C-alpha atoms as a PDB file:
ATOM      1  CA  MET A   1     -17.279 -42.994-121.134  1.00  0.00           C
ATOM      2  CA  THR A   2     -19.036 -46.344-121.064  1.00  0.00           C
ATOM      3  CA  LYS A   3     -19.832 -49.014-123.904  1.00  0.00           C
ATOM      4  CA  LEU A   4     -22.491 -51.569-123.893  1.00  0.00           C
ATOM      5  CA  LEU A   5     -21.561 -54.504-126.023  1.00  0.00           C
ATOM      6  CA  VAL A   6     -24.586 -56.871-126.372  1.00  0.00           C
ATOM      7  CA  GLY A   7     -24.165 -60.434-128.030  1.00  0.00           C
ATOM      8  CA  LEU A   8     -27.590 -61.728-129.120  1.00  0.00           C
ATOM      9  CA  GLY A   9     -28.596 -65.230-128.420  1.00  0.00           C
ATOM     10  CA  ASN A  10     -30.841 -67.717-126.424  1.00  0.00           C
ATOM     11  CA  PRO A  11     -29.765 -68.766-122.919  1.00  0.00           C
ATOM     12  CA  GLY A  12     -29.315 -72.432-121.861  1.00  0.00           C
ATOM     13  CA  ASP A  13     -27.116 -75.318-122.683  1.00  0.00           C
ATOM     14  CA  LYS A  14     -29.734 -76.503-125.454  1.00  0.00           C
ATOM     15  CA  TYR A  15     -28.851 -73.413-127.426  1.00  0.00           C
ATOM     16  CA  PHE A  16     -25.128 -73.271-126.816  1.00  0.00           C
ATOM     17  CA  GLU A  17     -23.099 -72.795-130.001  1.00  0.00           C
ATOM     18  CA  THR A  18     -25.989 -72.806-132.251  1.00  0.00           C
ATOM     19  CA  LYS A  19     -26.072 -70.312-135.199  1.00  0.00           C
ATOM     20  CA  HIS A  20     -28.749 -68.050-133.511  1.00  0.00           C
ATOM     21  CA  ASN A  21     -25.956 -67.931-130.710  1.00  0.00           C
ATOM     22  CA  VAL A  22     -23.104 -66.321-132.358  1.00  0.00           C
ATOM     23  CA  GLY A  23     -23.495 -63.081-130.656  1.00  0.00           C
ATOM     24  CA  PHE A  24     -23.103 -64.727-127.366  1.00  0.00           C
ATOM     25  CA  MET A  25     -20.140 -66.703-128.750  1.00  0.00           C
ATOM     26  CA  LEU A  26     -18.173 -63.286-129.587  1.00  0.00           C
ATOM     27  CA  ILE A  27     -19.309 -61.885-126.139  1.00  0.00           C
ATOM     28  CA  ASP A  28     -17.856 -64.981-124.493  1.00  0.00           C
ATOM     29  CA  GLN A  29     -14.469 -64.630-126.391  1.00  0.00           C
ATOM     30  CA  LEU A  30     -14.206 -61.010-125.426  1.00  0.00           C
ATOM     31  CA  ALA A  31     -14.822 -61.919-121.748  1.00  0.00           C
ATOM     32  CA  LYS A  32     -12.260 -64.569-122.071  1.00  0.00           C
ATOM     33  CA  LYS A  33      -9.685 -62.311-123.511  1.00  0.00           C
ATOM     34  CA  GLN A  34     -10.323 -59.897-120.656  1.00  0.00           C
ATOM     35  CA  ASN A  35     -10.205 -62.730-118.198  1.00  0.00           C
ATOM     36  CA  VAL A  36     -13.714 -61.450-116.776  1.00  0.00           C
ATOM     37  CA  THR A  37     -16.453 -63.632-115.736  1.00  0.00           C
ATOM     38  CA  PHE A  38     -20.374 -63.086-116.231  1.00  0.00           C
ATOM     39  CA  THR A  39     -22.653 -62.609-113.246  1.00  0.00           C
ATOM     40  CA  HIS A  40     -26.620 -62.945-113.725  1.00  0.00           C
ATOM     41  CA  ASP A  41     -28.508 -59.807-112.888  1.00  0.00           C
ATOM     42  CA  LYS A  42     -32.287 -60.527-112.577  1.00  0.00           C
ATOM     43  CA  ILE A  43     -33.178 -56.770-112.623  1.00  0.00           C
ATOM     44  CA  PHE A  44     -31.490 -56.279-116.018  1.00  0.00           C
ATOM     45  CA  GLN A  45     -32.522 -59.911-117.293  1.00  0.00           C
ATOM     46  CA  ALA A  46     -29.006 -60.456-118.473  1.00  0.00           C
ATOM     47  CA  ASP A  47     -25.548 -61.864-117.968  1.00  0.00           C
ATOM     48  CA  LEU A  48     -22.873 -59.016-117.441  1.00  0.00           C
ATOM     49  CA  ALA A  49     -19.299 -58.909-117.333  1.00  0.00           C
ATOM     50  CA  SER A  50     -17.306 -55.550-117.315  1.00  0.00           C
ATOM     51  CA  PHE A  51     -13.683 -54.292-117.623  1.00  0.00           C
ATOM     52  CA  PHE A  52     -11.837 -51.111-118.171  1.00  0.00           C
ATOM     53  CA  LEU A  53     -10.131 -50.306-121.657  1.00  0.00           C
ATOM     54  CA  ASN A  54      -8.391 -47.038-122.003  1.00  0.00           C
ATOM     55  CA  GLY A  55     -10.430 -45.440-118.915  1.00  0.00           C
ATOM     56  CA  GLU A  56     -13.589 -46.471-120.235  1.00  0.00           C
ATOM     57  CA  LYS A  57     -15.604 -48.963-118.702  1.00  0.00           C
ATOM     58  CA  ILE A  58     -16.853 -51.637-120.956  1.00  0.00           C
ATOM     59  CA  TYR A  59     -19.957 -53.924-120.235  1.00  0.00           C
ATOM     60  CA  LEU A  60     -20.536 -57.021-122.021  1.00  0.00           C
ATOM     61  CA  VAL A  61     -24.043 -58.284-122.073  1.00  0.00           C
ATOM     62  CA  LYS A  62     -25.973 -61.533-123.058  1.00  0.00           C
ATOM     63  CA  PRO A  63     -29.667 -60.960-122.387  1.00  0.00           C
ATOM     64  CA  THR A  64     -31.255 -63.939-120.752  1.00  0.00           C
ATOM     65  CA  THR A  65     -34.944 -63.025-121.882  1.00  0.00           C
ATOM     66  CA  PHE A  66     -34.578 -65.203-125.123  1.00  0.00           C
ATOM     67  CA  MET A  67     -33.996 -63.744-128.556  1.00  0.00           C
ATOM     68  CA  ASN A  68     -37.423 -62.351-129.066  1.00  0.00           C
ATOM     69  CA  GLU A  69     -37.155 -60.038-125.924  1.00  0.00           C
ATOM     70  CA  SER A  70     -33.617 -58.898-126.078  1.00  0.00           C
ATOM     71  CA  GLY A  71     -34.678 -55.240-126.316  1.00  0.00           C
ATOM     72  CA  LYS A  72     -36.071 -55.318-122.612  1.00  0.00           C
ATOM     73  CA  ALA A  73     -32.403 -55.847-121.338  1.00  0.00           C
ATOM     74  CA  VAL A  74     -30.683 -53.507-123.651  1.00  0.00           C
ATOM     75  CA  HIS A  75     -33.134 -50.764-122.876  1.00  0.00           C
ATOM     76  CA  ALA A  76     -33.101 -51.332-119.313  1.00  0.00           C
ATOM     77  CA  LEU A  77     -29.308 -51.150-119.086  1.00  0.00           C
ATOM     78  CA  LEU A  78     -29.185 -48.137-121.437  1.00  0.00           C
ATOM     79  CA  THR A  79     -31.475 -46.287-119.295  1.00  0.00           C
ATOM     80  CA  TYR A  80     -30.069 -47.351-115.781  1.00  0.00           C
ATOM     81  CA  TYR A  81     -26.602 -46.256-116.857  1.00  0.00           C
ATOM     82  CA  GLY A  82     -27.756 -43.055-118.766  1.00  0.00           C
ATOM     83  CA  LEU A  83     -26.048 -44.267-121.915  1.00  0.00           C
ATOM     84  CA  ASP A  84     -26.683 -42.910-125.477  1.00  0.00           C
ATOM     85  CA  ILE A  85     -27.452 -44.961-128.122  1.00  0.00           C
ATOM     86  CA  GLU A  86     -24.096 -44.250-129.626  1.00  0.00           C
ATOM     87  CA  ASP A  87     -22.578 -46.331-126.717  1.00  0.00           C
ATOM     88  CA  LEU A  88     -24.365 -49.308-127.999  1.00  0.00           C
ATOM     89  CA  LEU A  89     -22.941 -52.156-130.163  1.00  0.00           C
ATOM     90  CA  VAL A  90     -25.180 -55.366-130.964  1.00  0.00           C
ATOM     91  CA  ILE A  91     -23.436 -58.515-132.318  1.00  0.00           C
ATOM     92  CA  TYR A  92     -25.926 -60.985-133.934  1.00  0.00           C
ATOM     93  CA  ASP A  93     -26.511 -63.703-136.631  1.00  0.00           C
ATOM     94  CA  ASP A  94     -27.815 -62.937-140.092  1.00  0.00           C
ATOM     95  CA  LEU A  95     -29.052 -65.591-142.147  1.00  0.00           C
ATOM     96  CA  ASP A  96     -28.913 -63.582-145.541  1.00  0.00           C
ATOM     97  CA  MET A  97     -25.401 -63.446-145.295  1.00  0.00           C
ATOM     98  CA  GLU A  98     -22.992 -66.305-146.084  1.00  0.00           C
ATOM     99  CA  VAL A  99     -21.209 -68.162-143.233  1.00  0.00           C
ATOM    100  CA  GLY A 100     -18.800 -66.444-141.521  1.00  0.00           C
ATOM    101  CA  LYS A 101     -18.986 -63.078-143.433  1.00  0.00           C
ATOM    102  CA  LEU A 102     -18.887 -59.953-141.245  1.00  0.00           C
ATOM    103  CA  ARG A 103     -20.838 -56.815-141.703  1.00  0.00           C
ATOM    104  CA  LEU A 104     -20.848 -53.554-139.612  1.00  0.00           C
ATOM    105  CA  ARG A 105     -23.551 -51.265-139.665  1.00  0.00           C
ATOM    106  CA  ALA A 106     -24.643 -47.908-137.888  1.00  0.00           C
ATOM    107  CA  LYS A 107     -28.457 -48.260-138.878  1.00  0.00           C
ATOM    108  CA  GLY A 108     -30.975 -50.498-140.490  1.00  0.00           C
ATOM    109  CA  SER A 109     -34.153 -52.401-140.281  1.00  0.00           C
ATOM    110  CA  ALA A 110     -34.802 -55.572-138.096  1.00  0.00           C
ATOM    111  CA  GLY A 111     -34.418 -57.450-141.452  1.00  0.00           C
ATOM    112  CA  GLY A 112     -36.587 -60.257-139.971  1.00  0.00           C
ATOM    113  CA  HIS A 113     -34.394 -60.653-136.962  1.00  0.00           C
ATOM    114  CA  ASN A 114     -36.607 -60.773-133.911  1.00  0.00           C
ATOM    115  CA  GLY A 115     -33.858 -59.845-131.472  1.00  0.00           C
ATOM    116  CA  ILE A 116     -32.907 -56.748-133.517  1.00  0.00           C
ATOM    117  CA  LYS A 117     -36.911 -56.257-133.894  1.00  0.00           C
ATOM    118  CA  SER A 118     -37.267 -56.199-129.911  1.00  0.00           C
ATOM    119  CA  ILE A 119     -34.292 -53.709-129.475  1.00  0.00           C
ATOM    120  CA  ILE A 120     -35.827 -51.301-132.222  1.00  0.00           C
ATOM    121  CA  GLN A 121     -39.149 -51.584-130.319  1.00  0.00           C
ATOM    122  CA  HIS A 122     -37.719 -50.920-126.875  1.00  0.00           C
ATOM    123  CA  ILE A 123     -35.150 -48.158-127.893  1.00  0.00           C
ATOM    124  CA  GLY A 124     -37.174 -46.420-130.185  1.00  0.00           C
ATOM    125  CA  THR A 125     -34.796 -46.082-133.283  1.00  0.00           C
ATOM    126  CA  GLN A 126     -33.138 -48.299-135.945  1.00  0.00           C
ATOM    127  CA  VAL A 127     -29.926 -46.111-135.386  1.00  0.00           C
ATOM    128  CA  PHE A 128     -27.551 -48.081-133.415  1.00  0.00           C
ATOM    129  CA  ASN A 129     -24.098 -49.637-134.055  1.00  0.00           C
ATOM    130  CA  ARG A 130     -24.298 -53.319-135.118  1.00  0.00           C
ATOM    131  CA  VAL A 131     -22.220 -56.180-136.190  1.00  0.00           C
ATOM    132  CA  LYS A 132     -23.778 -59.089-138.083  1.00  0.00           C
ATOM    133  CA  ILE A 133     -22.492 -62.304-138.633  1.00  0.00           C
ATOM    134  CA  GLY A 134     -23.425 -64.644-141.666  1.00  0.00           C
ATOM    135  CA  ILE A 135     -24.803 -68.008-140.674  1.00  0.00           C
ATOM    136  CA  GLY A 136     -26.252 -68.619-144.252  1.00  0.00           C
ATOM    137  CA  ARG A 137     -29.581 -69.710-145.324  1.00  0.00           C
ATOM    138  CA  PRO A 138     -31.408 -73.040-144.546  1.00  0.00           C
ATOM    139  CA  LYS A 139     -30.660 -75.990-146.721  1.00  0.00           C
ATOM    140  CA  LYS A 140     -33.484 -76.848-149.078  1.00  0.00           C
ATOM    141  CA  GLY A 141     -36.533 -78.151-146.903  1.00  0.00           C
ATOM    142  CA  MET A 142     -35.361 -77.213-143.661  1.00  0.00           C
ATOM    143  CA  SER A 143     -37.350 -74.419-141.840  1.00  0.00           C
ATOM    144  CA  VAL A 144     -35.843 -71.021-140.818  1.00  0.00           C
ATOM    145  CA  VAL A 145     -36.432 -72.032-137.071  1.00  0.00           C
ATOM    146  CA  HIS A 146     -34.643 -75.176-137.422  1.00  0.00           C
ATOM    147  CA  HIS A 147     -31.877 -73.683-139.229  1.00  0.00           C
ATOM    148  CA  VAL A 148     -31.014 -71.018-136.558  1.00  0.00           C
ATOM    149  CA  LEU A 149     -31.622 -73.277-133.478  1.00  0.00           C
ATOM    150  CA  SER A 150     -29.190 -76.015-135.163  1.00  0.00           C
ATOM    151  CA  LYS A 151     -25.623 -75.975-134.617  1.00  0.00           C
ATOM    152  CA  PHE A 152     -22.968 -75.482-137.299  1.00  0.00           C
ATOM    153  CA  ASP A 153     -21.328 -78.604-139.263  1.00  0.00           C
ATOM    154  CA  GLN A 154     -17.576 -79.061-138.770  1.00  0.00           C
ATOM    155  CA  ASP A 155     -16.732 -76.723-141.790  1.00  0.00           C
ATOM    156  CA  ASP A 156     -18.800 -73.970-140.935  1.00  0.00           C
ATOM    157  CA  TYR A 157     -18.017 -74.112-137.443  1.00  0.00           C
ATOM    158  CA  VAL A 158     -14.284 -73.702-138.335  1.00  0.00           C
ATOM    159  CA  GLY A 159     -15.522 -70.636-140.627  1.00  0.00           C
ATOM    160  CA  ILE A 160     -17.397 -69.221-137.740  1.00  0.00           C
ATOM    161  CA  LEU A 161     -14.337 -69.288-135.150  1.00  0.00           C
ATOM    162  CA  GLN A 162     -12.043 -67.492-137.608  1.00  0.00           C
ATOM    163  CA  SER A 163     -14.855 -64.932-138.306  1.00  0.00           C
ATOM    164  CA  ILE A 164     -15.088 -64.431-134.561  1.00  0.00           C
ATOM    165  CA  ASP A 165     -11.556 -63.901-134.572  1.00  0.00           C
ATOM    166  CA  LYS A 166     -11.981 -61.150-137.035  1.00  0.00           C
ATOM    167  CA  ILE A 167     -14.735 -59.689-135.411  1.00  0.00           C
ATOM    168  CA  ASP A 168     -13.199 -59.528-132.060  1.00  0.00           C
ATOM    169  CA  ASP A 169     -10.336 -57.410-133.772  1.00  0.00           C
ATOM    170  CA  ALA A 170     -13.026 -55.102-135.416  1.00  0.00           C
ATOM    171  CA  VAL A 171     -14.461 -54.651-131.782  1.00  0.00           C
ATOM    172  CA  ASN A 172     -11.321 -53.934-130.185  1.00  0.00           C
ATOM    173  CA  TYR A 173     -10.311 -51.676-132.839  1.00  0.00           C
ATOM    174  CA  TYR A 174     -13.707 -49.942-132.493  1.00  0.00           C
ATOM    175  CA  LEU A 175     -13.057 -49.651-128.621  1.00  0.00           C
ATOM    176  CA  GLN A 176      -9.343 -48.134-129.056  1.00  0.00           C
ATOM    177  CA  GLU A 177     -10.496 -45.932-131.782  1.00  0.00           C
ATOM    178  CA  LYS A 178     -14.012 -44.782-130.495  1.00  0.00           C
ATOM    179  CA  ASN A 179     -15.004 -44.094-133.980  1.00  0.00           C
ATOM    180  CA  PHE A 180     -17.620 -46.679-135.583  1.00  0.00           C
ATOM    181  CA  GLU A 181     -17.488 -45.125-139.099  1.00  0.00           C
ATOM    182  CA  LYS A 182     -13.704 -45.320-139.120  1.00  0.00           C
ATOM    183  CA  THR A 183     -13.967 -49.030-137.911  1.00  0.00           C
ATOM    184  CA  MET A 184     -16.821 -49.849-140.804  1.00  0.00           C
ATOM    185  CA  GLN A 185     -14.464 -48.466-143.311  1.00  0.00           C
ATOM    186  CA  ARG A 186     -11.579 -50.771-142.151  1.00  0.00           C
ATOM    187  CA  TYR A 187     -13.554 -54.084-141.489  1.00  0.00           C
ATOM    188  CA  ASN A 188     -16.439 -54.158-144.310  1.00  0.00           C
ATOM    189  CA  GLY A 189     -15.329 -55.517-147.347  1.00  0.00           C
END
């Protein structure tokens, strides 16, 4: 079996550790813990790393298409490797959840998230496993775009790092158990 773990974000130093890039942050942490490095793949339009866990190949993916076109890379990888939708796990930010809050879902709409909207359009279904990380709503007078493309303040950054540790635990539990429903029951709360 093979799993595709996709973190959503925008490529480039300009977006490093912005709120919209928490998916990339988690994928980077998983790569660091597995001691693997990313290589850029022009065909898939993504940075890829891989490792084996319990005989299963795990691909870590950071699409380099920018957020709004993330579905191109996801669809290309699923198709090329002949993977089922059940083999996909997408990790991304959610501004409707408080900072650092974790929510695992097996299906759902895009909820205004353009990266998820792109994935749904390209793979043709809303039914795929996902991990949402809360980044909170913009402060009064701040646009959503400015909010998601800004960096965390110090207190929120500490909370996000703690949340990423918890999400890392949840992802590893999922990979060990091979059961997303059981993972949701354990980590949603």
